[in-house]
């Protein structure tokens, strides 16, 4: 974030990011996140070989995969969700 006034920047960060870097994850959860992140990065790397010079998914896509994996794994049990539907826009086909 680019704000020149340090006081304003700190105030905004305190309001918008109160739990930043204060996750309460167990070691098992962190290990699962790392495994999913590694798998996503491997998929991105390997899928790029047949399409040299083209981008598979943009930077940060690996983190999205980890977040979606956790959402799909936890949400149904916690909220009684029976079905999940996901739609993706495909570019450049």
C-alpha atoms as a PDB file:
ATOM      1  CA  UNK A   1       0.000   0.000   0.000  1.00  0.00           C
ATOM      2  CA  UNK A   2       1.355   3.411  -0.895  1.00  0.00           C
ATOM      3  CA  UNK A   3       0.520   6.141   1.593  1.00  0.00           C
ATOM      4  CA  UNK A   4       3.141   8.812   2.237  1.00  0.00           C
ATOM      5  CA  UNK A   5       1.922   9.787   5.694  1.00  0.00           C
ATOM      6  CA  UNK A   6       3.248   7.109   8.069  1.00  0.00           C
ATOM      7  CA  UNK A   7       0.666   7.892  10.773  1.00  0.00           C
ATOM      8  CA  UNK A   8      -2.220   7.444   8.330  1.00  0.00           C
ATOM      9  CA  UNK A   9      -0.674   4.274   6.952  1.00  0.00           C
ATOM     10  CA  UNK A  10      -0.268   2.698  10.407  1.00  0.00           C
ATOM     11  CA  UNK A  11      -3.839   3.681  11.358  1.00  0.00           C
ATOM     12  CA  UNK A  12      -5.246   2.143   8.168  1.00  0.00           C
ATOM     13  CA  UNK A  13      -3.226  -1.037   8.630  1.00  0.00           C
ATOM     14  CA  UNK A  14      -4.452  -1.362  12.220  1.00  0.00           C
ATOM     15  CA  UNK A  15      -8.071  -1.027  11.064  1.00  0.00           C
ATOM     16  CA  UNK A  16      -7.877  -3.312   8.046  1.00  0.00           C
ATOM     17  CA  UNK A  17      -5.366  -5.902   9.192  1.00  0.00           C
ATOM     18  CA  UNK A  18      -5.952  -6.539  12.908  1.00  0.00           C
ATOM     19  CA  UNK A  19      -5.108 -10.254  12.779  1.00  0.00           C
ATOM     20  CA  UNK A  20      -2.237 -10.070  10.309  1.00  0.00           C
ATOM     21  CA  UNK A  21       0.449 -12.660  11.042  1.00  0.00           C
ATOM     22  CA  UNK A  22      -1.458 -13.931  14.069  1.00  0.00           C
ATOM     23  CA  UNK A  23      -2.845 -17.169  12.662  1.00  0.00           C
ATOM     24  CA  UNK A  24      -3.696 -19.847  15.166  1.00  0.00           C
ATOM     25  CA  UNK A  25      -2.942 -22.887  13.048  1.00  0.00           C
ATOM     26  CA  UNK A  26      -1.720 -26.182  14.408  1.00  0.00           C
ATOM     27  CA  UNK A  27       1.420 -27.827  13.102  1.00  0.00           C
ATOM     28  CA  UNK A  28      -0.723 -30.350  11.204  1.00  0.00           C
ATOM     29  CA  UNK A  29      -2.678 -27.546   9.511  1.00  0.00           C
ATOM     30  CA  UNK A  30       0.511 -25.722   8.549  1.00  0.00           C
ATOM     31  CA  UNK A  31       1.928 -28.932   7.102  1.00  0.00           C
ATOM     32  CA  UNK A  32      -1.236 -29.469   5.045  1.00  0.00           C
ATOM     33  CA  UNK A  33      -1.014 -25.873   3.738  1.00  0.00           C
ATOM     34  CA  UNK A  34       2.620 -26.454   2.769  1.00  0.00           C
ATOM     35  CA  UNK A  35       1.771 -29.728   1.007  1.00  0.00           C
ATOM     36  CA  UNK A  36      -1.057 -28.088  -0.976  1.00  0.00           C
ATOM     37  CA  UNK A  37       1.104 -25.080  -1.830  1.00  0.00           C
ATOM     38  CA  UNK A  38       3.932 -27.338  -3.015  1.00  0.00           C
ATOM     39  CA  UNK A  39       1.502 -29.396  -5.125  1.00  0.00           C
ATOM     40  CA  UNK A  40       0.045 -26.234  -6.692  1.00  0.00           C
ATOM     41  CA  UNK A  41       3.495 -24.863  -7.499  1.00  0.00           C
ATOM     42  CA  UNK A  42       4.513 -28.208  -9.026  1.00  0.00           C
ATOM     43  CA  UNK A  43       1.354 -28.249 -11.150  1.00  0.00           C
ATOM     44  CA  UNK A  44       2.047 -24.709 -12.355  1.00  0.00           C
ATOM     45  CA  UNK A  45       5.648 -25.536 -13.206  1.00  0.00           C
ATOM     46  CA  UNK A  46       4.862 -28.781 -15.026  1.00  0.00           C
ATOM     47  CA  UNK A  47       1.867 -27.391 -16.913  1.00  0.00           C
ATOM     48  CA  UNK A  48       4.023 -24.569 -18.292  1.00  0.00           C
ATOM     49  CA  UNK A  49       6.304 -26.938 -20.256  1.00  0.00           C
ATOM     50  CA  UNK A  50       3.953 -27.629 -23.189  1.00  0.00           C
ATOM     51  CA  UNK A  51       3.109 -23.921 -23.487  1.00  0.00           C
ATOM     52  CA  UNK A  52       6.450 -22.134 -23.305  1.00  0.00           C
ATOM     53  CA  UNK A  53       6.003 -18.376 -23.266  1.00  0.00           C
ATOM     54  CA  UNK A  54       2.413 -18.540 -22.014  1.00  0.00           C
ATOM     55  CA  UNK A  55       1.250 -18.033 -18.474  1.00  0.00           C
ATOM     56  CA  UNK A  56      -0.690 -20.793 -16.750  1.00  0.00           C
ATOM     57  CA  UNK A  57      -2.047 -18.922 -13.760  1.00  0.00           C
ATOM     58  CA  UNK A  58      -0.823 -15.589 -12.537  1.00  0.00           C
ATOM     59  CA  UNK A  59       1.414 -15.083  -9.557  1.00  0.00           C
ATOM     60  CA  UNK A  60      -0.477 -15.773  -6.370  1.00  0.00           C
ATOM     61  CA  UNK A  61      -2.589 -18.482  -7.963  1.00  0.00           C
ATOM     62  CA  UNK A  62      -0.882 -21.080  -5.807  1.00  0.00           C
ATOM     63  CA  UNK A  63      -2.131 -19.344  -2.661  1.00  0.00           C
ATOM     64  CA  UNK A  64      -5.653 -19.270  -4.068  1.00  0.00           C
ATOM     65  CA  UNK A  65      -5.528 -23.025  -4.606  1.00  0.00           C
ATOM     66  CA  UNK A  66      -4.525 -23.563  -0.973  1.00  0.00           C
ATOM     67  CA  UNK A  67      -7.323 -21.263   0.247  1.00  0.00           C
ATOM     68  CA  UNK A  68      -9.936 -22.967  -1.943  1.00  0.00           C
ATOM     69  CA  UNK A  69      -8.747 -26.393  -0.816  1.00  0.00           C
ATOM     70  CA  UNK A  70      -9.220 -25.409   2.815  1.00  0.00           C
ATOM     71  CA  UNK A  71     -12.598 -23.814   2.070  1.00  0.00           C
ATOM     72  CA  UNK A  72     -13.866 -26.923   0.298  1.00  0.00           C
ATOM     73  CA  UNK A  73     -12.516 -29.193   3.030  1.00  0.00           C
ATOM     74  CA  UNK A  74     -13.833 -27.272   6.047  1.00  0.00           C
ATOM     75  CA  UNK A  75     -16.937 -25.349   4.952  1.00  0.00           C
ATOM     76  CA  UNK A  76     -19.277 -28.242   4.119  1.00  0.00           C
ATOM     77  CA  UNK A  77     -18.837 -29.877   7.514  1.00  0.00           C
ATOM     78  CA  UNK A  78     -19.040 -26.613   9.438  1.00  0.00           C
ATOM     79  CA  UNK A  79     -22.075 -25.175   7.632  1.00  0.00           C
ATOM     80  CA  UNK A  80     -23.994 -28.239   6.474  1.00  0.00           C
ATOM     81  CA  UNK A  81     -23.273 -27.547   2.802  1.00  0.00           C
ATOM     82  CA  UNK A  82     -24.343 -30.372   0.494  1.00  0.00           C
ATOM     83  CA  UNK A  83     -23.063 -29.098  -2.870  1.00  0.00           C
ATOM     84  CA  UNK A  84     -20.342 -26.755  -4.059  1.00  0.00           C
ATOM     85  CA  UNK A  85     -20.316 -25.298  -7.559  1.00  0.00           C
ATOM     86  CA  UNK A  86     -17.309 -23.586  -9.069  1.00  0.00           C
ATOM     87  CA  UNK A  87     -17.081 -21.834 -12.415  1.00  0.00           C
ATOM     88  CA  UNK A  88     -13.858 -20.614 -13.973  1.00  0.00           C
ATOM     89  CA  UNK A  89     -13.353 -18.239 -16.833  1.00  0.00           C
ATOM     90  CA  UNK A  90     -10.897 -19.648 -19.342  1.00  0.00           C
ATOM     91  CA  UNK A  91      -8.855 -17.138 -21.308  1.00  0.00           C
ATOM     92  CA  UNK A  92      -6.948 -17.653 -24.508  1.00  0.00           C
ATOM     93  CA  UNK A  93      -8.453 -20.936 -25.615  1.00  0.00           C
END
